[in-house]
């Protein structure tokens, strides 16, 4: 979604969108407002990408050809530290994510 943000904005101001019947419906107007103005949509999208990215790296390590457990443990530590880095010192933000990771890791 974040990579598509500029293209979505170009689409909304384009002739094809403006002349479509959907552009004037309540749902179409709400979608256009969301794409252009809604920080309540884009800010969480950015935040999600920032903390999911280290987990994807971890999954790639775990999915590799016969990964050694030491590499997986190291990748887990790096993923958690990367998530903590996203939120700085605010444990109230990264703490719940760490709890979910730890709960899944230990079960």
C-alpha atoms as a PDB file:
ATOM      1  CA  UNK A   1       0.000   0.000   0.000  1.00  0.00           C
ATOM      2  CA  UNK A   2       2.738   2.441   0.909  1.00  0.00           C
ATOM      3  CA  UNK A   3       4.553   1.858  -2.371  1.00  0.00           C
ATOM      4  CA  UNK A   4       1.265   2.389  -4.203  1.00  0.00           C
ATOM      5  CA  UNK A   5       0.404   5.638  -2.425  1.00  0.00           C
ATOM      6  CA  UNK A   6       1.712   7.978  -5.194  1.00  0.00           C
ATOM      7  CA  UNK A   7       0.023   5.898  -7.907  1.00  0.00           C
ATOM      8  CA  UNK A   8      -3.251   5.849  -5.963  1.00  0.00           C
ATOM      9  CA  UNK A   9      -3.134   9.608  -5.616  1.00  0.00           C
ATOM     10  CA  UNK A  10      -2.471  10.018  -9.346  1.00  0.00           C
ATOM     11  CA  UNK A  11      -5.377   7.691 -10.074  1.00  0.00           C
ATOM     12  CA  UNK A  12      -7.786   9.756  -7.973  1.00  0.00           C
ATOM     13  CA  UNK A  13      -6.968  12.985  -9.810  1.00  0.00           C
ATOM     14  CA  UNK A  14      -7.031  11.298 -13.230  1.00  0.00           C
ATOM     15  CA  UNK A  15      -9.677  11.815 -15.876  1.00  0.00           C
ATOM     16  CA  UNK A  16     -10.828   8.209 -15.822  1.00  0.00           C
ATOM     17  CA  UNK A  17     -11.590   8.348 -12.090  1.00  0.00           C
ATOM     18  CA  UNK A  18     -13.209  11.772 -12.255  1.00  0.00           C
ATOM     19  CA  UNK A  19     -15.565  10.653 -15.001  1.00  0.00           C
ATOM     20  CA  UNK A  20     -16.497   7.353 -13.342  1.00  0.00           C
ATOM     21  CA  UNK A  21     -19.814   6.952 -11.589  1.00  0.00           C
ATOM     22  CA  UNK A  22     -18.038   5.548  -8.527  1.00  0.00           C
ATOM     23  CA  UNK A  23     -16.187   8.831  -7.922  1.00  0.00           C
ATOM     24  CA  UNK A  24     -19.388  10.550  -6.781  1.00  0.00           C
ATOM     25  CA  UNK A  25     -20.709   7.774  -4.539  1.00  0.00           C
ATOM     26  CA  UNK A  26     -20.276   8.073  -0.776  1.00  0.00           C
ATOM     27  CA  UNK A  27     -17.838   5.132  -0.798  1.00  0.00           C
ATOM     28  CA  UNK A  28     -15.828   6.658  -3.650  1.00  0.00           C
ATOM     29  CA  UNK A  29     -15.628  10.035  -1.942  1.00  0.00           C
ATOM     30  CA  UNK A  30     -14.611   8.377   1.337  1.00  0.00           C
ATOM     31  CA  UNK A  31     -11.909   6.363  -0.433  1.00  0.00           C
ATOM     32  CA  UNK A  32     -10.525   9.461  -2.185  1.00  0.00           C
ATOM     33  CA  UNK A  33     -10.448  11.346   1.124  1.00  0.00           C
ATOM     34  CA  UNK A  34      -8.641   8.434   2.747  1.00  0.00           C
ATOM     35  CA  UNK A  35      -6.004   8.298   0.011  1.00  0.00           C
ATOM     36  CA  UNK A  36      -5.346  12.036   0.089  1.00  0.00           C
ATOM     37  CA  UNK A  37      -5.940  13.161   3.632  1.00  0.00           C
ATOM     38  CA  UNK A  38      -6.362  10.314   6.085  1.00  0.00           C
ATOM     39  CA  UNK A  39      -3.264  10.102   8.239  1.00  0.00           C
ATOM     40  CA  UNK A  40      -5.188   7.652  10.405  1.00  0.00           C
ATOM     41  CA  UNK A  41      -4.801   5.223   7.502  1.00  0.00           C
ATOM     42  CA  UNK A  42      -1.288   5.934   6.207  1.00  0.00           C
ATOM     43  CA  UNK A  43       0.524   6.334   9.527  1.00  0.00           C
ATOM     44  CA  UNK A  44      -0.512   2.882  10.807  1.00  0.00           C
ATOM     45  CA  UNK A  45       0.375   1.372   7.399  1.00  0.00           C
ATOM     46  CA  UNK A  46       3.867   2.785   7.759  1.00  0.00           C
ATOM     47  CA  UNK A  47       4.123   1.525  11.335  1.00  0.00           C
ATOM     48  CA  UNK A  48       3.012  -1.977  10.355  1.00  0.00           C
ATOM     49  CA  UNK A  49       5.645  -2.170   7.625  1.00  0.00           C
ATOM     50  CA  UNK A  50       8.346  -1.076  10.053  1.00  0.00           C
ATOM     51  CA  UNK A  51       7.698  -3.855  12.549  1.00  0.00           C
ATOM     52  CA  UNK A  52       6.738  -6.605  10.106  1.00  0.00           C
ATOM     53  CA  UNK A  53       9.856  -6.194   7.966  1.00  0.00           C
ATOM     54  CA  UNK A  54      12.234  -7.695  10.612  1.00  0.00           C
ATOM     55  CA  UNK A  55       9.829 -10.601  11.068  1.00  0.00           C
ATOM     56  CA  UNK A  56       9.885 -11.319   7.334  1.00  0.00           C
ATOM     57  CA  UNK A  57      13.688 -11.413   7.462  1.00  0.00           C
ATOM     58  CA  UNK A  58      13.413 -13.878  10.358  1.00  0.00           C
ATOM     59  CA  UNK A  59      11.011 -16.074   8.382  1.00  0.00           C
ATOM     60  CA  UNK A  60      13.413 -16.120   5.446  1.00  0.00           C
ATOM     61  CA  UNK A  61      16.209 -17.316   7.738  1.00  0.00           C
ATOM     62  CA  UNK A  62      13.963 -19.989   9.241  1.00  0.00           C
ATOM     63  CA  UNK A  63      12.771 -21.081   5.792  1.00  0.00           C
ATOM     64  CA  UNK A  64      16.293 -21.489   4.442  1.00  0.00           C
ATOM     65  CA  UNK A  65      17.923 -24.814   3.674  1.00  0.00           C
ATOM     66  CA  UNK A  66      18.384 -26.531   7.036  1.00  0.00           C
ATOM     67  CA  UNK A  67      19.011 -23.394   9.120  1.00  0.00           C
ATOM     68  CA  UNK A  68      20.949 -23.961  12.320  1.00  0.00           C
ATOM     69  CA  UNK A  69      19.066 -23.075  15.490  1.00  0.00           C
ATOM     70  CA  UNK A  70      21.820 -20.630  16.428  1.00  0.00           C
ATOM     71  CA  UNK A  71      21.074 -18.596  13.302  1.00  0.00           C
ATOM     72  CA  UNK A  72      17.367 -18.638  14.057  1.00  0.00           C
ATOM     73  CA  UNK A  73      17.923 -17.494  17.654  1.00  0.00           C
ATOM     74  CA  UNK A  74      20.198 -14.703  16.413  1.00  0.00           C
ATOM     75  CA  UNK A  75      17.652 -13.687  13.769  1.00  0.00           C
ATOM     76  CA  UNK A  76      14.924 -13.603  16.435  1.00  0.00           C
ATOM     77  CA  UNK A  77      17.012 -11.336  18.646  1.00  0.00           C
ATOM     78  CA  UNK A  78      17.758  -9.047  15.687  1.00  0.00           C
ATOM     79  CA  UNK A  79      14.076  -8.914  14.722  1.00  0.00           C
ATOM     80  CA  UNK A  80      13.053  -7.946  18.254  1.00  0.00           C
ATOM     81  CA  UNK A  81      15.772  -5.302  18.475  1.00  0.00           C
ATOM     82  CA  UNK A  82      14.735  -3.885  15.092  1.00  0.00           C
ATOM     83  CA  UNK A  83      11.144  -3.644  16.323  1.00  0.00           C
ATOM     84  CA  UNK A  84      12.304  -1.931  19.511  1.00  0.00           C
ATOM     85  CA  UNK A  85      14.334   0.508  17.407  1.00  0.00           C
ATOM     86  CA  UNK A  86      11.172   1.507  15.506  1.00  0.00           C
ATOM     87  CA  UNK A  87       9.540   2.630  18.753  1.00  0.00           C
ATOM     88  CA  UNK A  88      12.587   3.948  20.561  1.00  0.00           C
ATOM     89  CA  UNK A  89      12.335   3.806  24.322  1.00  0.00           C
ATOM     90  CA  UNK A  90       8.536   3.556  24.382  1.00  0.00           C
ATOM     91  CA  UNK A  91       8.096   0.034  25.742  1.00  0.00           C
ATOM     92  CA  UNK A  92       4.328   0.491  25.816  1.00  0.00           C
ATOM     93  CA  UNK A  93       4.427   0.322  21.999  1.00  0.00           C
ATOM     94  CA  UNK A  94       6.932  -2.454  21.321  1.00  0.00           C
ATOM     95  CA  UNK A  95       6.188  -4.448  24.488  1.00  0.00           C
ATOM     96  CA  UNK A  96       2.897  -5.944  23.259  1.00  0.00           C
ATOM     97  CA  UNK A  97       4.557  -6.978  19.990  1.00  0.00           C
ATOM     98  CA  UNK A  98       7.404  -8.630  21.901  1.00  0.00           C
ATOM     99  CA  UNK A  99       4.860 -10.435  24.086  1.00  0.00           C
ATOM    100  CA  UNK A 100       3.145 -11.884  21.021  1.00  0.00           C
ATOM    101  CA  UNK A 101       6.489 -12.970  19.577  1.00  0.00           C
ATOM    102  CA  UNK A 102       7.612 -14.529  22.867  1.00  0.00           C
ATOM    103  CA  UNK A 103       4.284 -16.311  23.339  1.00  0.00           C
ATOM    104  CA  UNK A 104       4.512 -17.843  19.848  1.00  0.00           C
ATOM    105  CA  UNK A 105       8.232 -18.585  20.244  1.00  0.00           C
ATOM    106  CA  UNK A 106       7.756 -20.545  23.462  1.00  0.00           C
ATOM    107  CA  UNK A 107       4.704 -22.566  22.340  1.00  0.00           C
END
